[in-house]
Structures are given as structure tokens and as C-alpha cells.
């Protein structure tokens, strides 16, 4: 049985369709990323899944429960990490987690939770004195102290420095490795690439694309960029058939191609014949962020969801 099953979900506000016949599945034990631009309907969707907002129509199952009628049981089995959480600055880390732990029938051991989020050495520090990364790890601790089967993570690393982000990634990967299902909302494509087994991109209340991140990148990649050092202009004798498609920017030559194989073959032969050094050459496919922006742009320009 899936951890989450959504079929034909609809929700509107004042006549505006925020979620329009949305359907998707989240398998148990996976990290599922739900992405989309502002106004796409992802926040409404997640709030419905959490049981905090009522759907107009459609079928929703979360851990085999109906969020609209089984709210108390659902909250006992799920964890929630909001983008920002208002915490009492005068309480210590230990006191804060202890207070939340009392809300659950069978909470996890608090010391174990502190170790998991790398805050054990700061247990007696007051919340108001914590850094941004430390506060974020505390918020995640509050989300996992109830020993949830499913965690909703909303922008878990927004505003953090690279080191703090990586530490939280490691924590999320550890939770997932221990069998916890995770629903992730993030605007960082590198974060999605690192953490998600599966992802869905929402635009105008519907799914624009869905699948494993690498598979979506493979399916929707339309071109690659070939780049190598040339100085301020193309060298003498550069292949004539490539000149029109080559631009020189900041000492680098760049060619954009749907299939780079033929171009690489021409460049290799030219390098062999002339002795020109191509050791700096690189081939870069469109990134996941490029694919995301492409899909969002296509669907927003065609709100009915058909081919652009």
C-alpha cells in the first residue's frame, strides 16, 4: 500500500481553481519532492494531506487514513516541519523537545533525537541563542520526536549556509534510510537531486511532470552545451562548419547542440590534425533546474495543460 494516494483532488477559493483534478502516489519509504512556483497549489495540496485543509472533492489516503475524518490518528503518525516555527526563546533545547514529546503517546527518546540532529552538546542552550542552522535542526527534532512514519518537510534548508545545508541533508537521508517516508517541498534543485527518489512538478494546480529526478532530466533534456578555452577569438583553422554555431564569451568557445556527438567528433579530428589543446573541453547537459524552469514556462503559457 502506498504511503500517500491522491486521486482527482480538487480545491478552489472564490471560484479560482487552486488544485485541479490532481492525482499522484507516494510509495512507503521514499523521499517525494513536490515542487512548483508560487500559486501552483502545492501548499494547498500539502495542507490537505496533513489534514489542516478540507478538499472540495477527490480521494485522499495518507497512511491508509482519510485526513478529513481521521485527523487525530494521522497527526499521531506524522511529523511536520514548517518553513518557520515560532519557538519560545527562553526555553532550552532540552526543554523545548521535552514539551513537544509530551504531545505524543510513544515519543522517541529525547537524548537519541538530540544525537540524531547533532544538538546533544547544546542541550542546555537557550533557543534564542541558537544559530540559524541550529534552530533548523531543532525544528526537525520537533518533527521527529513523535517517531513518525511520515514527515512533511517544507523548505528545510532555506537561508542556511552550505555547511548547515549539507548537515541537514545528511539527517534527512538518515531518516529516510531508517524507513521514514518524506514529503519534501523545496526551491533548491540541487537539494531535490540529492534527496528525492521521486518528484512531481505542479503548475496551475496540475502535475506538469513526474518521475525520478534523473529520469525527468533525461526525458526533457533538449540540448547540451560544449565549452572549451580559446582566448579572445576562435583559433585559425577552426572547422568552418562550426563557426556559425560557436560563440566566444570570456575566453571560452560555446556551442549548443541537441546531439553533441557529431560536434565532438569534428572537434576531436580538428584537434588531432592541428595539435590544438582541447583538454579544457566540457559537455554540460541541461540541469534539473533548467528542466524545471522549462516545464513551468511551457505550462504557464498554456494553462489548459496541453502541448505548448
Protein backbone atom coordinates (compact mmCIF):
# COMPACT_ATOMS: atom_id res chain seq x y z
CA UNK A 1 0.00 0.00 0.00
CA UNK A 2 1.26 3.50 -0.83
CA UNK A 3 2.03 5.93 1.96
CA UNK A 4 0.01 8.58 0.13
CA UNK A 5 -2.57 8.15 -2.61
CA UNK A 6 -4.26 11.15 -4.23
CA UNK A 7 -6.88 10.85 -6.96
CA UNK A 8 -8.77 13.64 -8.74
CA UNK A 9 -8.16 16.10 -5.89
CA UNK A 10 -9.85 19.50 -6.33
CA UNK A 11 -9.82 22.68 -4.25
CA UNK A 12 -10.96 26.16 -5.20
CA UNK A 13 -11.02 29.56 -3.49
CA UNK A 14 -13.62 32.15 -4.51
CA UNK A 15 -14.12 30.48 -7.85
CA UNK A 16 -10.38 30.10 -8.60
CA UNK A 17 -9.23 26.51 -9.03
CA UNK A 18 -6.13 26.11 -6.84
CA UNK A 19 -5.91 22.32 -7.26
CA UNK A 20 -7.44 20.80 -10.37
CA UNK A 21 -8.07 17.03 -10.52
CA UNK A 22 -4.66 16.26 -9.07
CA UNK A 23 -3.51 12.63 -8.85
CA UNK A 24 -0.24 11.10 -7.61
CA UNK A 25 1.19 8.37 -5.36
CA UNK A 26 3.96 8.39 -2.75
CA UNK A 27 5.45 4.98 -2.00
CA UNK A 28 6.32 3.95 1.55
CA UNK A 29 9.94 4.62 2.45
CA UNK A 30 10.69 7.08 -0.36
CA UNK A 31 11.51 10.78 -0.35
CA UNK A 32 8.98 12.52 -2.59
CA UNK A 33 9.55 16.13 -3.67
CA UNK A 34 6.53 18.25 -4.59
CA UNK A 35 7.67 21.34 -6.46
CA UNK A 36 6.10 24.29 -8.20
CA UNK A 37 6.14 28.08 -8.50
CA UNK A 38 4.22 30.31 -6.11
CA UNK A 39 0.50 29.84 -6.67
CA UNK A 40 0.90 26.37 -8.21
CA UNK A 41 -1.26 24.77 -5.50
CA UNK A 42 1.42 22.74 -3.71
CA UNK A 43 0.89 24.38 -0.30
CA UNK A 44 -2.86 23.77 -0.52
CA UNK A 45 -2.20 20.17 -1.54
CA UNK A 46 0.17 19.54 1.37
CA UNK A 47 -2.21 21.17 3.87
CA UNK A 48 -4.98 18.86 2.65
CA UNK A 49 -2.69 15.84 3.06
CA UNK A 50 -1.79 16.99 6.59
CA UNK A 51 -5.47 17.33 7.48
CA UNK A 52 -5.39 21.08 8.02
CA UNK A 53 -7.48 21.98 4.97
CA UNK A 54 -10.57 20.33 3.50
CA UNK A 55 -10.71 19.25 -0.14
CA UNK A 56 -13.71 20.07 -2.33
CA UNK A 57 -13.62 16.66 -3.98
CA UNK A 58 -11.37 13.74 -4.77
CA UNK A 59 -9.95 10.75 -2.95
CA UNK A 60 -7.07 11.11 -0.44
CA UNK A 61 -5.38 8.41 1.62
CA UNK A 62 -2.42 9.12 3.93
CA UNK A 63 -1.01 6.08 5.74
CA UNK A 64 -4.34 4.39 4.98
CA UNK A 65 -6.24 7.20 6.72
CA UNK A 66 -8.59 9.92 5.49
CA UNK A 67 -7.11 13.28 6.58
CA UNK A 68 -10.58 14.83 6.75
CA UNK A 69 -12.05 12.27 9.16
CA UNK A 70 -9.02 10.66 10.84
CA UNK A 71 -7.13 13.80 11.79
CA UNK A 72 -6.17 12.82 15.34
CA UNK A 73 -4.76 9.43 14.30
CA UNK A 74 -2.97 10.99 11.34
CA UNK A 75 -1.26 13.63 13.49
CA UNK A 76 -0.07 10.89 15.85
CA UNK A 77 1.69 9.09 13.00
CA UNK A 78 3.11 12.04 11.04
CA UNK A 79 5.66 14.76 11.67
CA UNK A 80 5.58 18.31 10.36
CA UNK A 81 8.47 20.72 9.83
CA UNK A 82 7.22 24.12 8.70
CA UNK A 83 9.33 26.64 6.83
CA UNK A 84 9.47 28.71 10.03
CA UNK A 85 8.36 27.81 13.55
CA UNK A 86 7.70 30.18 16.46
CA UNK A 87 9.66 28.82 19.42
CA UNK A 88 10.00 30.15 22.97
CA UNK A 89 13.47 31.79 23.04
CA UNK A 90 13.92 31.42 26.82
CA UNK A 91 13.49 27.63 26.84
CA UNK A 92 16.50 25.38 26.37
CA UNK A 93 16.74 22.86 23.55
CA UNK A 94 16.05 20.03 26.00
CA UNK A 95 13.01 21.79 27.47
CA UNK A 96 11.60 22.56 24.02
CA UNK A 97 11.86 18.98 22.78
CA UNK A 98 10.53 17.65 26.08
CA UNK A 99 7.45 19.86 25.81
CA UNK A 100 6.72 18.58 22.30
CA UNK A 101 7.41 14.97 23.27
CA UNK A 102 4.59 15.13 25.82
CA UNK A 103 2.13 15.57 22.95
CA UNK A 104 2.75 12.01 21.77
CA UNK A 105 1.75 8.70 23.30
CA UNK A 106 5.05 6.96 22.47
CA UNK A 107 7.71 9.61 21.73
CA UNK A 108 11.28 8.80 20.84
CA UNK A 109 14.00 9.04 23.46
CA UNK A 110 14.93 12.71 23.66
CA UNK A 111 18.66 12.08 24.00
CA UNK A 112 18.57 9.90 20.89
CA UNK A 113 16.77 12.64 18.99
CA UNK A 114 19.38 15.17 20.10
CA UNK A 115 22.14 12.91 18.83
CA UNK A 116 20.32 12.40 15.52
CA UNK A 117 20.12 16.15 14.88
CA UNK A 118 23.63 16.84 16.26
CA UNK A 119 22.41 19.01 19.14
CA UNK A 120 23.29 16.83 22.15
CA UNK A 121 26.24 19.08 23.07
CA UNK A 122 23.91 22.11 23.05
CA UNK A 123 21.02 20.61 25.01
CA UNK A 124 21.13 23.29 27.74
CA UNK A 125 21.48 26.25 25.34
CA UNK A 126 18.53 28.61 25.10
CA UNK A 127 16.67 28.69 21.80
CA UNK A 128 17.16 32.44 21.45
CA UNK A 129 20.93 31.97 21.35
CA UNK A 130 20.99 29.38 18.55
CA UNK A 131 22.29 29.98 15.02
CA UNK A 132 20.02 29.59 12.01
CA UNK A 133 21.32 26.10 11.28
CA UNK A 134 20.96 25.01 14.91
CA UNK A 135 17.38 26.31 15.06
CA UNK A 136 16.56 24.43 11.86
CA UNK A 137 17.95 21.20 13.31
CA UNK A 138 15.84 21.81 16.44
CA UNK A 139 12.73 22.26 14.29
CA UNK A 140 13.48 18.95 12.58
CA UNK A 141 13.95 17.38 16.03
CA UNK A 142 10.45 18.53 16.94
CA UNK A 143 9.17 16.95 13.74
CA UNK A 144 10.71 13.54 14.51
CA UNK A 145 10.35 13.30 18.30
CA UNK A 146 6.94 11.64 17.91
CA UNK A 147 8.58 8.80 15.93
CA UNK A 148 6.51 9.49 12.78
CA UNK A 149 6.06 7.13 9.85
CA UNK A 150 5.75 10.12 7.51
CA UNK A 151 7.33 13.58 7.69
CA UNK A 152 6.33 16.71 5.75
CA UNK A 153 9.38 18.96 5.26
CA UNK A 154 8.71 22.49 3.99
CA UNK A 155 11.85 24.19 2.63
CA UNK A 156 14.11 22.52 5.23
CA UNK A 157 17.30 24.46 4.37
CA UNK A 158 16.10 27.91 3.28
CA UNK A 159 18.53 30.62 4.37
CA UNK A 160 21.22 28.26 5.65
CA UNK A 161 24.89 28.30 4.73
CA UNK A 162 26.27 25.44 2.59
CA UNK A 163 27.73 23.53 5.54
CA UNK A 164 24.48 23.68 7.53
CA UNK A 165 22.51 22.62 4.44
CA UNK A 166 24.72 19.57 3.94
CA UNK A 167 24.31 18.52 7.57
CA UNK A 168 20.53 18.68 7.26
CA UNK A 169 20.70 16.70 4.02
CA UNK A 170 22.62 14.00 5.86
CA UNK A 171 19.99 13.97 8.60
CA UNK A 172 17.14 13.67 6.08
CA UNK A 173 18.94 10.85 4.27
CA UNK A 174 19.42 9.07 7.60
CA UNK A 175 15.71 9.36 8.44
CA UNK A 176 14.79 8.01 5.02
CA UNK A 177 17.30 5.15 5.32
CA UNK A 178 15.59 4.15 8.58
CA UNK A 179 12.28 3.71 6.76
CA UNK A 180 10.62 7.09 7.23
CA UNK A 181 8.62 8.38 4.26
CA UNK A 182 9.37 12.03 3.50
CA UNK A 183 7.38 14.60 1.53
CA UNK A 184 9.73 17.45 0.65
CA UNK A 185 8.92 20.92 -0.62
CA UNK A 186 11.98 22.84 -1.80
CA UNK A 187 13.05 25.53 -4.27
CA UNK A 188 16.62 24.19 -4.40
CA UNK A 189 17.02 21.82 -7.33
CA UNK A 190 20.36 20.51 -6.05
CA UNK A 191 18.56 19.58 -2.83
CA UNK A 192 15.90 17.70 -4.75
CA UNK A 193 18.56 15.96 -6.84
CA UNK A 194 20.42 14.89 -3.68
CA UNK A 195 17.44 13.76 -1.60
CA UNK A 196 14.42 12.79 -3.69
CA UNK A 197 13.70 9.33 -5.10
CA UNK A 198 10.67 10.72 -6.91
CA UNK A 199 9.39 14.20 -7.72
CA UNK A 200 6.39 15.96 -9.17
CA UNK A 201 6.23 19.47 -10.60
CA UNK A 202 2.93 21.31 -10.10
CA UNK A 203 1.78 24.18 -12.30
CA UNK A 204 -1.67 25.77 -12.11
CA UNK A 205 -2.99 23.06 -9.82
CA UNK A 206 -1.93 20.13 -12.01
CA UNK A 207 1.08 17.85 -12.42
CA UNK A 208 3.30 19.06 -15.28
CA UNK A 209 5.84 16.25 -14.92
CA UNK A 210 6.52 13.39 -12.52
CA UNK A 211 9.20 10.76 -12.01
CA UNK A 212 12.70 10.16 -10.59
CA UNK A 213 14.82 13.36 -10.93
CA UNK A 214 17.40 11.77 -13.25
CA UNK A 215 14.68 10.26 -15.43
CA UNK A 216 12.91 13.62 -15.79
CA UNK A 217 16.22 15.22 -16.69
CA UNK A 218 16.84 12.55 -19.32
CA UNK A 219 13.33 12.80 -20.79
CA UNK A 220 13.17 16.59 -21.00
CA UNK A 221 16.76 17.48 -21.81
CA UNK A 222 16.68 19.20 -25.22
CA UNK A 223 20.30 20.27 -25.62
CA UNK A 224 23.84 20.18 -24.30
CA UNK A 225 26.50 22.89 -24.15
CA UNK A 226 30.05 22.22 -25.36
CA UNK A 227 32.62 24.59 -23.90
CA UNK A 228 36.42 24.97 -24.18
CA UNK A 229 39.14 27.63 -23.82
CA UNK A 230 40.06 29.73 -26.87
CA UNK A 231 41.21 33.14 -25.63
CA UNK A 232 39.62 36.22 -27.21
CA UNK A 233 38.69 34.64 -30.59
CA UNK A 234 38.40 31.35 -32.42
CA UNK A 235 41.79 29.95 -33.46
CA UNK A 236 42.94 29.99 -37.06
CA UNK A 237 41.69 26.99 -38.98
CA UNK A 238 38.72 26.34 -36.72
CA UNK A 239 36.26 23.99 -38.52
CA UNK A 240 34.22 26.16 -40.90
CA UNK A 241 31.07 24.08 -40.40
CA UNK A 242 31.04 25.00 -36.67
CA UNK A 243 31.84 28.71 -36.89
CA UNK A 244 28.24 29.91 -37.29
CA UNK A 245 27.11 27.98 -34.21
CA UNK A 246 30.03 28.95 -31.97
CA UNK A 247 30.15 31.97 -29.68
CA UNK A 248 33.17 33.25 -27.78
CA UNK A 249 32.45 34.56 -24.27
CA UNK A 250 35.03 35.49 -21.64
CA UNK A 251 37.77 33.43 -23.29
CA UNK A 252 35.60 30.36 -23.87
CA UNK A 253 34.00 28.96 -27.01
CA UNK A 254 30.47 27.64 -26.58
CA UNK A 255 28.31 25.51 -28.86
CA UNK A 256 24.76 24.42 -28.07
CA UNK A 257 23.64 21.17 -29.66
CA UNK A 258 20.74 18.71 -29.39
CA UNK A 259 23.21 15.86 -30.01
CA UNK A 260 26.80 16.79 -29.14
CA UNK A 261 28.33 13.57 -30.51
CA UNK A 262 28.81 14.76 -34.09
CA UNK A 263 30.27 18.10 -32.97
CA UNK A 264 32.68 16.40 -30.59
CA UNK A 265 33.83 14.16 -33.42
CA UNK A 266 34.59 17.20 -35.62
CA UNK A 267 36.40 18.97 -32.79
CA UNK A 268 38.46 15.87 -31.94
CA UNK A 269 39.57 15.46 -35.55
CA UNK A 270 40.46 19.16 -35.79
CA UNK A 271 42.43 18.95 -32.52
CA UNK A 272 44.28 15.87 -33.76
CA UNK A 273 45.17 17.45 -37.11
CA UNK A 274 46.24 20.84 -35.73
CA UNK A 275 47.56 19.93 -32.30
CA UNK A 276 45.16 22.43 -30.66
CA UNK A 277 44.79 21.71 -26.92
CA UNK A 278 41.21 20.71 -26.07
CA UNK A 279 41.97 19.49 -22.54
CA UNK A 280 39.58 22.13 -21.14
CA UNK A 281 36.58 20.85 -23.11
CA UNK A 282 33.39 20.05 -21.22
CA UNK A 283 29.91 18.89 -22.18
CA UNK A 284 27.08 20.01 -19.91
CA UNK A 285 23.50 18.80 -20.15
CA UNK A 286 20.59 20.94 -19.02
CA UNK A 287 20.37 20.89 -15.25
CA UNK A 288 17.32 19.81 -13.28
CA UNK A 289 16.71 23.50 -12.58
CA UNK A 290 16.75 24.23 -16.32
CA UNK A 291 14.21 21.44 -16.88
CA UNK A 292 12.03 22.74 -14.05
CA UNK A 293 12.01 26.29 -15.45
CA UNK A 294 11.32 24.97 -18.94
CA UNK A 295 8.33 22.91 -17.82
CA UNK A 296 6.91 25.71 -15.68
CA UNK A 297 7.26 28.20 -18.53
CA UNK A 298 5.58 25.85 -21.00
CA UNK A 299 2.62 25.07 -18.76
CA UNK A 300 2.09 28.63 -17.55
CA UNK A 301 1.97 29.75 -21.17
CA UNK A 302 -0.60 27.03 -21.87
CA UNK A 303 -2.93 26.83 -18.81
CA UNK A 304 -5.07 24.05 -20.24
CA UNK A 305 -2.14 21.68 -19.84
CA UNK A 306 -1.86 20.59 -23.49
CA UNK A 307 1.22 20.74 -25.67
CA UNK A 308 2.80 24.21 -25.75
